[in-house]
């Protein structure tokens, strides 16, 4: 098991990006999810991710049967493990699709 202190996932599969909001910092995190095929898949993943503390909005760019891009807007930096667990709870897998 990897400790949070040594966890470095700064590649394309997980990119927390702070951006200025009206009065506080917001983060945009992008992950790639394998196996989503339809609107039900989007709803299941969105529901699980929205249950994480700090998540404000989830958007999905569906690639039916392939690797879909999921963008999470939050008011804090999210742990990759928490995101992966939420996606797994919905029945899918966060993948690193770097070439």
PDB file of N, CA and C in Angstrom:
ATOM      1  N   UNK A   1       0.843  -1.183   0.000  1.00  0.00           N
ATOM      2  CA  UNK A   1       0.000   0.000   0.000  1.00  0.00           C
ATOM      3  C   UNK A   1       0.881   1.236   0.000  1.00  0.00           C
ATOM      4  N   UNK A   2       0.507   2.196  -0.760  1.00  0.00           N
ATOM      5  CA  UNK A   2       1.297   3.398  -0.943  1.00  0.00           C
ATOM      6  C   UNK A   2       0.809   4.482   0.016  1.00  0.00           C
ATOM      7  N   UNK A   3       1.729   5.195   0.649  1.00  0.00           N
ATOM      8  CA  UNK A   3       1.322   6.265   1.555  1.00  0.00           C
ATOM      9  C   UNK A   3       1.002   7.517   0.757  1.00  0.00           C
ATOM     10  N   UNK A   4       0.151   8.366   1.323  1.00  0.00           N
ATOM     11  CA  UNK A   4      -0.223   9.602   0.642  1.00  0.00           C
ATOM     12  C   UNK A   4       0.987  10.494   0.416  1.00  0.00           C
ATOM     13  N   UNK A   5       1.957  10.449   1.313  1.00  0.00           N
ATOM     14  CA  UNK A   5       3.121  11.320   1.213  1.00  0.00           C
ATOM     15  C   UNK A   5       3.947  11.025  -0.038  1.00  0.00           C
ATOM     16  N   UNK A   6       3.985   9.748  -0.461  1.00  0.00           N
ATOM     17  CA  UNK A   6       4.795   9.404  -1.610  1.00  0.00           C
ATOM     18  C   UNK A   6       3.970   9.276  -2.886  1.00  0.00           C
ATOM     19  N   UNK A   7       2.676   9.498  -2.800  1.00  0.00           N
ATOM     20  CA  UNK A   7       1.797   9.327  -3.953  1.00  0.00           C
ATOM     21  C   UNK A   7       1.990  10.475  -4.923  1.00  0.00           C
ATOM     22  N   UNK A   8       2.382  10.152  -6.135  1.00  0.00           N
ATOM     23  CA  UNK A   8       2.533  11.174  -7.159  1.00  0.00           C
ATOM     24  C   UNK A   8       1.798  10.711  -8.398  1.00  0.00           C
ATOM     25  N   UNK A   9       0.683  11.322  -8.644  1.00  0.00           N
ATOM     26  CA  UNK A   9      -0.079  10.969  -9.827  1.00  0.00           C
ATOM     27  C   UNK A   9      -0.374  12.246 -10.585  1.00  0.00           C
ATOM     28  N   UNK A  10       0.671  12.887 -11.049  1.00  0.00           N
ATOM     29  CA  UNK A  10       0.521  14.173 -11.715  1.00  0.00           C
ATOM     30  C   UNK A  10       0.350  14.038 -13.221  1.00  0.00           C
ATOM     31  N   UNK A  11       0.249  12.817 -13.719  1.00  0.00           N
ATOM     32  CA  UNK A  11       0.082  12.603 -15.145  1.00  0.00           C
ATOM     33  C   UNK A  11      -1.337  12.892 -15.599  1.00  0.00           C
ATOM     34  N   UNK A  12      -1.641  12.632 -16.861  1.00  0.00           N
ATOM     35  CA  UNK A  12      -2.921  12.991 -17.450  1.00  0.00           C
ATOM     36  C   UNK A  12      -4.128  12.322 -16.803  1.00  0.00           C
ATOM     37  N   UNK A  13      -3.960  11.170 -16.159  1.00  0.00           N
ATOM     38  CA  UNK A  13      -5.115  10.487 -15.598  1.00  0.00           C
ATOM     39  C   UNK A  13      -5.636  11.158 -14.341  1.00  0.00           C
ATOM     40  N   UNK A  14      -4.855  12.011 -13.709  1.00  0.00           N
ATOM     41  CA  UNK A  14      -5.303  12.682 -12.486  1.00  0.00           C
ATOM     42  C   UNK A  14      -4.625  14.039 -12.422  1.00  0.00           C
ATOM     43  N   UNK A  15      -5.367  15.078 -12.749  1.00  0.00           N
ATOM     44  CA  UNK A  15      -4.765  16.400 -12.832  1.00  0.00           C
ATOM     45  C   UNK A  15      -5.542  17.397 -11.995  1.00  0.00           C
ATOM     46  N   UNK A  16      -5.250  17.513 -10.695  1.00  0.00           N
ATOM     47  CA  UNK A  16      -5.910  18.568  -9.941  1.00  0.00           C
ATOM     48  C   UNK A  16      -5.353  19.912 -10.373  1.00  0.00           C
ATOM     49  N   UNK A  17      -6.227  20.818 -10.722  1.00  0.00           N
ATOM     50  CA  UNK A  17      -5.799  22.121 -11.197  1.00  0.00           C
ATOM     51  C   UNK A  17      -6.531  23.200 -10.418  1.00  0.00           C
ATOM     52  N   UNK A  18      -5.827  23.966  -9.583  1.00  0.00           N
ATOM     53  CA  UNK A  18      -6.523  25.033  -8.871  1.00  0.00           C
ATOM     54  C   UNK A  18      -6.870  26.171  -9.823  1.00  0.00           C
ATOM     55  N   UNK A  19      -8.043  26.718  -9.638  1.00  0.00           N
ATOM     56  CA  UNK A  19      -8.400  27.913 -10.380  1.00  0.00           C
ATOM     57  C   UNK A  19      -9.192  28.823  -9.451  1.00  0.00           C
ATOM     58  N   UNK A  20      -9.072  30.095  -9.666  1.00  0.00           N
ATOM     59  CA  UNK A  20      -9.676  31.067  -8.764  1.00  0.00           C
ATOM     60  C   UNK A  20     -11.175  31.149  -8.975  1.00  0.00           C
ATOM     61  N   UNK A  21     -11.913  31.038  -7.880  1.00  0.00           N
ATOM     62  CA  UNK A  21     -13.358  31.226  -7.903  1.00  0.00           C
ATOM     63  C   UNK A  21     -13.660  32.639  -7.449  1.00  0.00           C
ATOM     64  N   UNK A  22     -14.883  32.889  -7.075  1.00  0.00           N
ATOM     65  CA  UNK A  22     -15.251  34.230  -6.654  1.00  0.00           C
ATOM     66  C   UNK A  22     -14.609  34.593  -5.324  1.00  0.00           C
ATOM     67  N   UNK A  23     -14.520  33.646  -4.403  1.00  0.00           N
ATOM     68  CA  UNK A  23     -13.961  33.991  -3.102  1.00  0.00           C
ATOM     69  C   UNK A  23     -13.070  32.906  -2.518  1.00  0.00           C
ATOM     70  N   UNK A  24     -12.830  31.823  -3.231  1.00  0.00           N
ATOM     71  CA  UNK A  24     -11.947  30.783  -2.729  1.00  0.00           C
ATOM     72  C   UNK A  24     -11.406  29.949  -3.889  1.00  0.00           C
ATOM     73  N   UNK A  25     -10.408  29.144  -3.606  1.00  0.00           N
ATOM     74  CA  UNK A  25      -9.792  28.320  -4.629  1.00  0.00           C
ATOM     75  C   UNK A  25     -10.659  27.103  -4.908  1.00  0.00           C
ATOM     76  N   UNK A  26     -10.740  26.755  -6.174  1.00  0.00           N
ATOM     77  CA  UNK A  26     -11.449  25.556  -6.603  1.00  0.00           C
ATOM     78  C   UNK A  26     -10.466  24.664  -7.338  1.00  0.00           C
ATOM     79  N   UNK A  27     -10.775  23.388  -7.372  1.00  0.00           N
ATOM     80  CA  UNK A  27      -9.919  22.428  -8.048  1.00  0.00           C
ATOM     81  C   UNK A  27     -10.711  21.705  -9.118  1.00  0.00           C
ATOM     82  N   UNK A  28     -10.052  21.432 -10.225  1.00  0.00           N
ATOM     83  CA  UNK A  28     -10.631  20.645 -11.306  1.00  0.00           C
ATOM     84  C   UNK A  28      -9.727  19.426 -11.447  1.00  0.00           C
ATOM     85  N   UNK A  29     -10.304  18.245 -11.260  1.00  0.00           N
ATOM     86  CA  UNK A  29      -9.557  16.999 -11.335  1.00  0.00           C
ATOM     87  C   UNK A  29     -10.126  16.164 -12.471  1.00  0.00           C
ATOM     88  N   UNK A  30      -9.271  15.664 -13.330  1.00  0.00           N
ATOM     89  CA  UNK A  30      -9.700  14.831 -14.446  1.00  0.00           C
ATOM     90  C   UNK A  30      -9.160  13.425 -14.267  1.00  0.00           C
ATOM     91  N   UNK A  31     -10.053  12.448 -14.400  1.00  0.00           N
ATOM     92  CA  UNK A  31      -9.657  11.041 -14.350  1.00  0.00           C
ATOM     93  C   UNK A  31     -10.249  10.336 -15.564  1.00  0.00           C
ATOM     94  N   UNK A  32      -9.684   9.212 -15.899  1.00  0.00           N
ATOM     95  CA  UNK A  32     -10.154   8.411 -17.021  1.00  0.00           C
ATOM     96  C   UNK A  32     -10.756   7.127 -16.473  1.00  0.00           C
ATOM     97  N   UNK A  33     -11.967   6.812 -16.945  1.00  0.00           N
ATOM     98  CA  UNK A  33     -12.731   5.683 -16.414  1.00  0.00           C
ATOM     99  C   UNK A  33     -13.036   4.707 -17.541  1.00  0.00           C
ATOM    100  N   UNK A  34     -12.784   3.435 -17.278  1.00  0.00           N
ATOM    101  CA  UNK A  34     -12.985   2.385 -18.269  1.00  0.00           C
ATOM    102  C   UNK A  34     -14.341   1.717 -18.097  1.00  0.00           C
ATOM    103  N   UNK A  35     -15.016   1.439 -19.222  1.00  0.00           N
ATOM    104  CA  UNK A  35     -16.190   0.582 -19.228  1.00  0.00           C
ATOM    105  C   UNK A  35     -17.546   1.248 -19.203  1.00  0.00           C
ATOM    106  N   UNK A  36     -17.600   2.554 -19.134  1.00  0.00           N
ATOM    107  CA  UNK A  36     -18.889   3.232 -19.121  1.00  0.00           C
ATOM    108  C   UNK A  36     -19.489   3.176 -20.528  1.00  0.00           C
ATOM    109  N   UNK A  37     -20.809   2.904 -20.614  1.00  0.00           N
ATOM    110  CA  UNK A  37     -21.428   2.743 -21.931  1.00  0.00           C
ATOM    111  C   UNK A  37     -22.686   3.572 -22.156  1.00  0.00           C
ATOM    112  N   UNK A  38     -23.272   4.141 -21.084  1.00  0.00           N
ATOM    113  CA  UNK A  38     -24.579   4.763 -21.270  1.00  0.00           C
ATOM    114  C   UNK A  38     -24.867   5.812 -20.190  1.00  0.00           C
ATOM    115  N   UNK A  39     -26.038   6.392 -20.274  1.00  0.00           N
ATOM    116  CA  UNK A  39     -26.472   7.387 -19.303  1.00  0.00           C
ATOM    117  C   UNK A  39     -26.552   6.847 -17.894  1.00  0.00           C
ATOM    118  N   UNK A  40     -26.933   5.586 -17.733  1.00  0.00           N
ATOM    119  CA  UNK A  40     -26.981   4.986 -16.397  1.00  0.00           C
ATOM    120  C   UNK A  40     -25.581   4.938 -15.787  1.00  0.00           C
ATOM    121  N   UNK A  41     -24.593   4.623 -16.596  1.00  0.00           N
ATOM    122  CA  UNK A  41     -23.199   4.593 -16.134  1.00  0.00           C
ATOM    123  C   UNK A  41     -22.787   5.979 -15.640  1.00  0.00           C
ATOM    124  N   UNK A  42     -23.119   6.990 -16.435  1.00  0.00           N
ATOM    125  CA  UNK A  42     -22.790   8.369 -16.058  1.00  0.00           C
ATOM    126  C   UNK A  42     -23.446   8.720 -14.735  1.00  0.00           C
ATOM    127  N   UNK A  43     -24.731   8.374 -14.589  1.00  0.00           N
ATOM    128  CA  UNK A  43     -25.466   8.690 -13.363  1.00  0.00           C
ATOM    129  C   UNK A  43     -24.855   7.988 -12.156  1.00  0.00           C
ATOM    130  N   UNK A  44     -24.467   6.720 -12.310  1.00  0.00           N
ATOM    131  CA  UNK A  44     -23.903   5.959 -11.199  1.00  0.00           C
ATOM    132  C   UNK A  44     -22.567   6.546 -10.747  1.00  0.00           C
ATOM    133  N   UNK A  45     -21.696   6.854 -11.701  1.00  0.00           N
ATOM    134  CA  UNK A  45     -20.384   7.418 -11.371  1.00  0.00           C
ATOM    135  C   UNK A  45     -20.551   8.814 -10.767  1.00  0.00           C
ATOM    136  N   UNK A  46     -21.421   9.612 -11.364  1.00  0.00           N
ATOM    137  CA  UNK A  46     -21.663  10.968 -10.866  1.00  0.00           C
ATOM    138  C   UNK A  46     -22.179  10.937  -9.431  1.00  0.00           C
ATOM    139  N   UNK A  47     -23.130  10.076  -9.148  1.00  0.00           N
ATOM    140  CA  UNK A  47     -23.700   9.980  -7.801  1.00  0.00           C
ATOM    141  C   UNK A  47     -22.630   9.622  -6.769  1.00  0.00           C
ATOM    142  N   UNK A  48     -21.800   8.657  -7.084  1.00  0.00           N
ATOM    143  CA  UNK A  48     -20.747   8.245  -6.141  1.00  0.00           C
ATOM    144  C   UNK A  48     -19.723   9.360  -5.929  1.00  0.00           C
ATOM    145  N   UNK A  49     -19.315  10.018  -7.000  1.00  0.00           N
ATOM    146  CA  UNK A  49     -18.324  11.087  -6.866  1.00  0.00           C
ATOM    147  C   UNK A  49     -18.899  12.294  -6.125  1.00  0.00           C
ATOM    148  N   UNK A  50     -20.165  12.616  -6.370  1.00  0.00           N
ATOM    149  CA  UNK A  50     -20.783  13.756  -5.690  1.00  0.00           C
ATOM    150  C   UNK A  50     -20.940  13.513  -4.192  1.00  0.00           C
ATOM    151  N   UNK A  51     -20.838  12.263  -3.755  1.00  0.00           N
ATOM    152  CA  UNK A  51     -20.936  11.962  -2.328  1.00  0.00           C
ATOM    153  C   UNK A  51     -19.624  12.258  -1.584  1.00  0.00           C
ATOM    154  N   UNK A  52     -18.532  12.516  -2.325  1.00  0.00           N
ATOM    155  CA  UNK A  52     -17.256  12.852  -1.693  1.00  0.00           C
ATOM    156  C   UNK A  52     -17.292  14.281  -1.169  1.00  0.00           C
ATOM    157  N   UNK A  53     -16.716  14.497   0.008  1.00  0.00           N
ATOM    158  CA  UNK A  53     -16.654  15.837   0.587  1.00  0.00           C
ATOM    159  C   UNK A  53     -15.928  16.791  -0.344  1.00  0.00           C
ATOM    160  N   UNK A  54     -16.537  17.941  -0.555  1.00  0.00           N
ATOM    161  CA  UNK A  54     -15.914  18.982  -1.354  1.00  0.00           C
ATOM    162  C   UNK A  54     -16.285  18.986  -2.816  1.00  0.00           C
ATOM    163  N   UNK A  55     -16.895  17.897  -3.319  1.00  0.00           N
ATOM    164  CA  UNK A  55     -17.237  17.833  -4.736  1.00  0.00           C
ATOM    165  C   UNK A  55     -18.445  18.720  -5.009  1.00  0.00           C
ATOM    166  N   UNK A  56     -18.281  19.596  -5.991  1.00  0.00           N
ATOM    167  CA  UNK A  56     -19.340  20.522  -6.353  1.00  0.00           C
ATOM    168  C   UNK A  56     -20.044  20.133  -7.648  1.00  0.00           C
ATOM    169  N   UNK A  57     -19.282  19.582  -8.593  1.00  0.00           N
ATOM    170  CA  UNK A  57     -19.872  19.215  -9.885  1.00  0.00           C
ATOM    171  C   UNK A  57     -19.041  18.124 -10.538  1.00  0.00           C
ATOM    172  N   UNK A  58     -19.726  17.232 -11.266  1.00  0.00           N
ATOM    173  CA  UNK A  58     -19.063  16.158 -12.006  1.00  0.00           C
ATOM    174  C   UNK A  58     -19.575  16.222 -13.440  1.00  0.00           C
ATOM    175  N   UNK A  59     -18.661  16.155 -14.396  1.00  0.00           N
ATOM    176  CA  UNK A  59     -19.075  16.077 -15.804  1.00  0.00           C
ATOM    177  C   UNK A  59     -18.339  14.913 -16.457  1.00  0.00           C
ATOM    178  N   UNK A  60     -19.028  14.264 -17.385  1.00  0.00           N
ATOM    179  CA  UNK A  60     -18.485  13.073 -18.038  1.00  0.00           C
ATOM    180  C   UNK A  60     -18.518  13.251 -19.548  1.00  0.00           C
ATOM    181  N   UNK A  61     -17.374  12.991 -20.169  1.00  0.00           N
ATOM    182  CA  UNK A  61     -17.287  12.927 -21.621  1.00  0.00           C
ATOM    183  C   UNK A  61     -17.273  11.438 -21.964  1.00  0.00           C
ATOM    184  N   UNK A  62     -18.459  10.898 -22.269  1.00  0.00           N
ATOM    185  CA  UNK A  62     -18.628   9.457 -22.468  1.00  0.00           C
ATOM    186  C   UNK A  62     -18.002   8.990 -23.775  1.00  0.00           C
ATOM    187  N   UNK A  63     -17.210   7.934 -23.678  1.00  0.00           N
ATOM    188  CA  UNK A  63     -16.668   7.215 -24.823  1.00  0.00           C
ATOM    189  C   UNK A  63     -17.177   5.787 -24.659  1.00  0.00           C
ATOM    190  N   UNK A  64     -18.382   5.522 -25.151  1.00  0.00           N
ATOM    191  CA  UNK A  64     -19.087   4.265 -24.892  1.00  0.00           C
ATOM    192  C   UNK A  64     -18.210   3.043 -25.152  1.00  0.00           C
ATOM    193  N   UNK A  65     -18.018   2.269 -24.085  1.00  0.00           N
ATOM    194  CA  UNK A  65     -17.240   1.041 -24.176  1.00  0.00           C
ATOM    195  C   UNK A  65     -15.742   1.246 -24.143  1.00  0.00           C
ATOM    196  N   UNK A  66     -15.298   2.490 -24.110  1.00  0.00           N
ATOM    197  CA  UNK A  66     -13.870   2.787 -24.086  1.00  0.00           C
ATOM    198  C   UNK A  66     -13.500   3.529 -22.818  1.00  0.00           C
ATOM    199  N   UNK A  67     -12.569   4.446 -22.942  1.00  0.00           N
ATOM    200  CA  UNK A  67     -12.100   5.237 -21.805  1.00  0.00           C
ATOM    201  C   UNK A  67     -12.819   6.584 -21.827  1.00  0.00           C
ATOM    202  N   UNK A  68     -13.610   6.849 -20.798  1.00  0.00           N
ATOM    203  CA  UNK A  68     -14.342   8.110 -20.688  1.00  0.00           C
ATOM    204  C   UNK A  68     -13.581   9.063 -19.785  1.00  0.00           C
ATOM    205  N   UNK A  69     -13.694  10.352 -20.080  1.00  0.00           N
ATOM    206  CA  UNK A  69     -13.035  11.368 -19.268  1.00  0.00           C
ATOM    207  C   UNK A  69     -14.042  11.960 -18.285  1.00  0.00           C
ATOM    208  N   UNK A  70     -13.679  11.931 -17.006  1.00  0.00           N
ATOM    209  CA  UNK A  70     -14.547  12.439 -15.954  1.00  0.00           C
ATOM    210  C   UNK A  70     -13.847  13.621 -15.293  1.00  0.00           C
ATOM    211  N   UNK A  71     -14.529  14.754 -15.244  1.00  0.00           N
ATOM    212  CA  UNK A  71     -13.974  15.961 -14.645  1.00  0.00           C
ATOM    213  C   UNK A  71     -14.755  16.279 -13.377  1.00  0.00           C
ATOM    214  N   UNK A  72     -14.017  16.506 -12.301  1.00  0.00           N
ATOM    215  CA  UNK A  72     -14.610  16.753 -10.991  1.00  0.00           C
ATOM    216  C   UNK A  72     -14.194  18.146 -10.531  1.00  0.00           C
ATOM    217  N   UNK A  73     -15.165  19.001 -10.267  1.00  0.00           N
ATOM    218  CA  UNK A  73     -14.912  20.320  -9.687  1.00  0.00           C
ATOM    219  C   UNK A  73     -15.141  20.208  -8.191  1.00  0.00           C
ATOM    220  N   UNK A  74     -14.173  20.706  -7.413  1.00  0.00           N
ATOM    221  CA  UNK A  74     -14.277  20.600  -5.959  1.00  0.00           C
ATOM    222  C   UNK A  74     -13.677  21.829  -5.295  1.00  0.00           C
ATOM    223  N   UNK A  75     -13.984  21.978  -4.013  1.00  0.00           N
ATOM    224  CA  UNK A  75     -13.446  23.116  -3.263  1.00  0.00           C
ATOM    225  C   UNK A  75     -12.176  22.751  -2.515  1.00  0.00           C
ATOM    226  N   UNK A  76     -11.679  21.538  -2.732  1.00  0.00           N
ATOM    227  CA  UNK A  76     -10.429  21.085  -2.114  1.00  0.00           C
ATOM    228  C   UNK A  76      -9.787  20.043  -3.010  1.00  0.00           C
ATOM    229  N   UNK A  77      -8.517  19.781  -2.774  1.00  0.00           N
ATOM    230  CA  UNK A  77      -7.812  18.742  -3.513  1.00  0.00           C
ATOM    231  C   UNK A  77      -8.347  17.387  -3.065  1.00  0.00           C
ATOM    232  N   UNK A  78      -8.688  16.548  -4.017  1.00  0.00           N
ATOM    233  CA  UNK A  78      -9.232  15.226  -3.721  1.00  0.00           C
ATOM    234  C   UNK A  78      -8.134  14.173  -3.797  1.00  0.00           C
ATOM    235  N   UNK A  79      -8.197  13.198  -2.912  1.00  0.00           N
ATOM    236  CA  UNK A  79      -7.229  12.101  -2.946  1.00  0.00           C
ATOM    237  C   UNK A  79      -7.605  11.138  -4.067  1.00  0.00           C
ATOM    238  N   UNK A  80      -6.588  10.738  -4.829  1.00  0.00           N
ATOM    239  CA  UNK A  80      -6.809   9.813  -5.936  1.00  0.00           C
ATOM    240  C   UNK A  80      -7.469   8.521  -5.444  1.00  0.00           C
ATOM    241  N   UNK A  81      -7.080   8.056  -4.274  1.00  0.00           N
ATOM    242  CA  UNK A  81      -7.647   6.823  -3.717  1.00  0.00           C
ATOM    243  C   UNK A  81      -9.146   6.966  -3.482  1.00  0.00           C
ATOM    244  N   UNK A  82      -9.580   8.129  -2.990  1.00  0.00           N
ATOM    245  CA  UNK A  82     -11.005   8.360  -2.728  1.00  0.00           C
ATOM    246  C   UNK A  82     -11.795   8.376  -4.037  1.00  0.00           C
ATOM    247  N   UNK A  83     -11.228   8.996  -5.049  1.00  0.00           N
ATOM    248  CA  UNK A  83     -11.881   9.034  -6.359  1.00  0.00           C
ATOM    249  C   UNK A  83     -11.989   7.616  -6.919  1.00  0.00           C
ATOM    250  N   UNK A  84     -10.904   6.873  -6.879  1.00  0.00           N
ATOM    251  CA  UNK A  84     -10.895   5.504  -7.403  1.00  0.00           C
ATOM    252  C   UNK A  84     -11.898   4.622  -6.677  1.00  0.00           C
ATOM    253  N   UNK A  85     -11.977   4.774  -5.354  1.00  0.00           N
ATOM    254  CA  UNK A  85     -12.934   3.978  -4.571  1.00  0.00           C
ATOM    255  C   UNK A  85     -14.369   4.335  -4.922  1.00  0.00           C
ATOM    256  N   UNK A  86     -14.664   5.608  -5.111  1.00  0.00           N
ATOM    257  CA  UNK A  86     -16.017   6.028  -5.468  1.00  0.00           C
ATOM    258  C   UNK A  86     -16.399   5.477  -6.842  1.00  0.00           C
ATOM    259  N   UNK A  87     -15.481   5.555  -7.800  1.00  0.00           N
ATOM    260  CA  UNK A  87     -15.743   5.027  -9.142  1.00  0.00           C
ATOM    261  C   UNK A  87     -15.926   3.508  -9.081  1.00  0.00           C
ATOM    262  N   UNK A  88     -15.122   2.832  -8.274  1.00  0.00           N
ATOM    263  CA  UNK A  88     -15.249   1.382  -8.115  1.00  0.00           C
ATOM    264  C   UNK A  88     -16.592   1.019  -7.486  1.00  0.00           C
ATOM    265  N   UNK A  89     -17.054   1.826  -6.555  1.00  0.00           N
ATOM    266  CA  UNK A  89     -18.354   1.590  -5.914  1.00  0.00           C
ATOM    267  C   UNK A  89     -19.475   1.627  -6.959  1.00  0.00           C
ATOM    268  N   UNK A  90     -19.292   2.447  -7.990  1.00  0.00           N
ATOM    269  CA  UNK A  90     -20.269   2.530  -9.082  1.00  0.00           C
ATOM    270  C   UNK A  90     -20.111   1.365 -10.069  1.00  0.00           C
ATOM    271  N   UNK A  91     -19.007   0.612  -9.946  1.00  0.00           N
ATOM    272  CA  UNK A  91     -18.800  -0.550 -10.799  1.00  0.00           C
ATOM    273  C   UNK A  91     -17.819  -0.347 -11.940  1.00  0.00           C
ATOM    274  N   UNK A  92     -16.992   0.686 -11.848  1.00  0.00           N
ATOM    275  CA  UNK A  92     -16.065   1.000 -12.934  1.00  0.00           C
ATOM    276  C   UNK A  92     -14.653   1.161 -12.392  1.00  0.00           C
ATOM    277  N   UNK A  93     -13.712   1.402 -13.290  1.00  0.00           N
ATOM    278  CA  UNK A  93     -12.304   1.436 -12.923  1.00  0.00           C
ATOM    279  C   UNK A  93     -11.638   2.690 -13.450  1.00  0.00           C
ATOM    280  N   UNK A  94     -10.932   3.418 -12.547  1.00  0.00           N
ATOM    281  CA  UNK A  94     -10.108   4.539 -12.962  1.00  0.00           C
ATOM    282  C   UNK A  94      -8.837   3.951 -13.564  1.00  0.00           C
ATOM    283  N   UNK A  95      -8.489   4.422 -14.756  1.00  0.00           N
ATOM    284  CA  UNK A  95      -7.301   3.899 -15.452  1.00  0.00           C
ATOM    285  C   UNK A  95      -6.386   5.047 -15.826  1.00  0.00           C
ATOM    286  N   UNK A  96      -5.139   4.705 -16.045  1.00  0.00           N
ATOM    287  CA  UNK A  96      -4.149   5.656 -16.555  1.00  0.00           C
ATOM    288  C   UNK A  96      -3.959   5.288 -18.013  1.00  0.00           C
ATOM    289  N   UNK A  97      -4.442   6.136 -18.910  1.00  0.00           N
ATOM    290  CA  UNK A  97      -4.396   5.798 -20.332  1.00  0.00           C
ATOM    291  C   UNK A  97      -3.280   6.508 -21.069  1.00  0.00           C
ATOM    292  N   UNK A  98      -2.197   6.838 -20.358  1.00  0.00           N
ATOM    293  CA  UNK A  98      -1.068   7.460 -21.046  1.00  0.00           C
ATOM    294  C   UNK A  98      -0.441   6.488 -22.012  1.00  0.00           C
ATOM    295  N   UNK A  99      -0.015   6.990 -23.149  1.00  0.00           N
ATOM    296  CA  UNK A  99       0.593   6.142 -24.171  1.00  0.00           C
ATOM    297  C   UNK A  99       1.993   5.755 -23.793  1.00  0.00           C
TER     298      UNK A  99
END
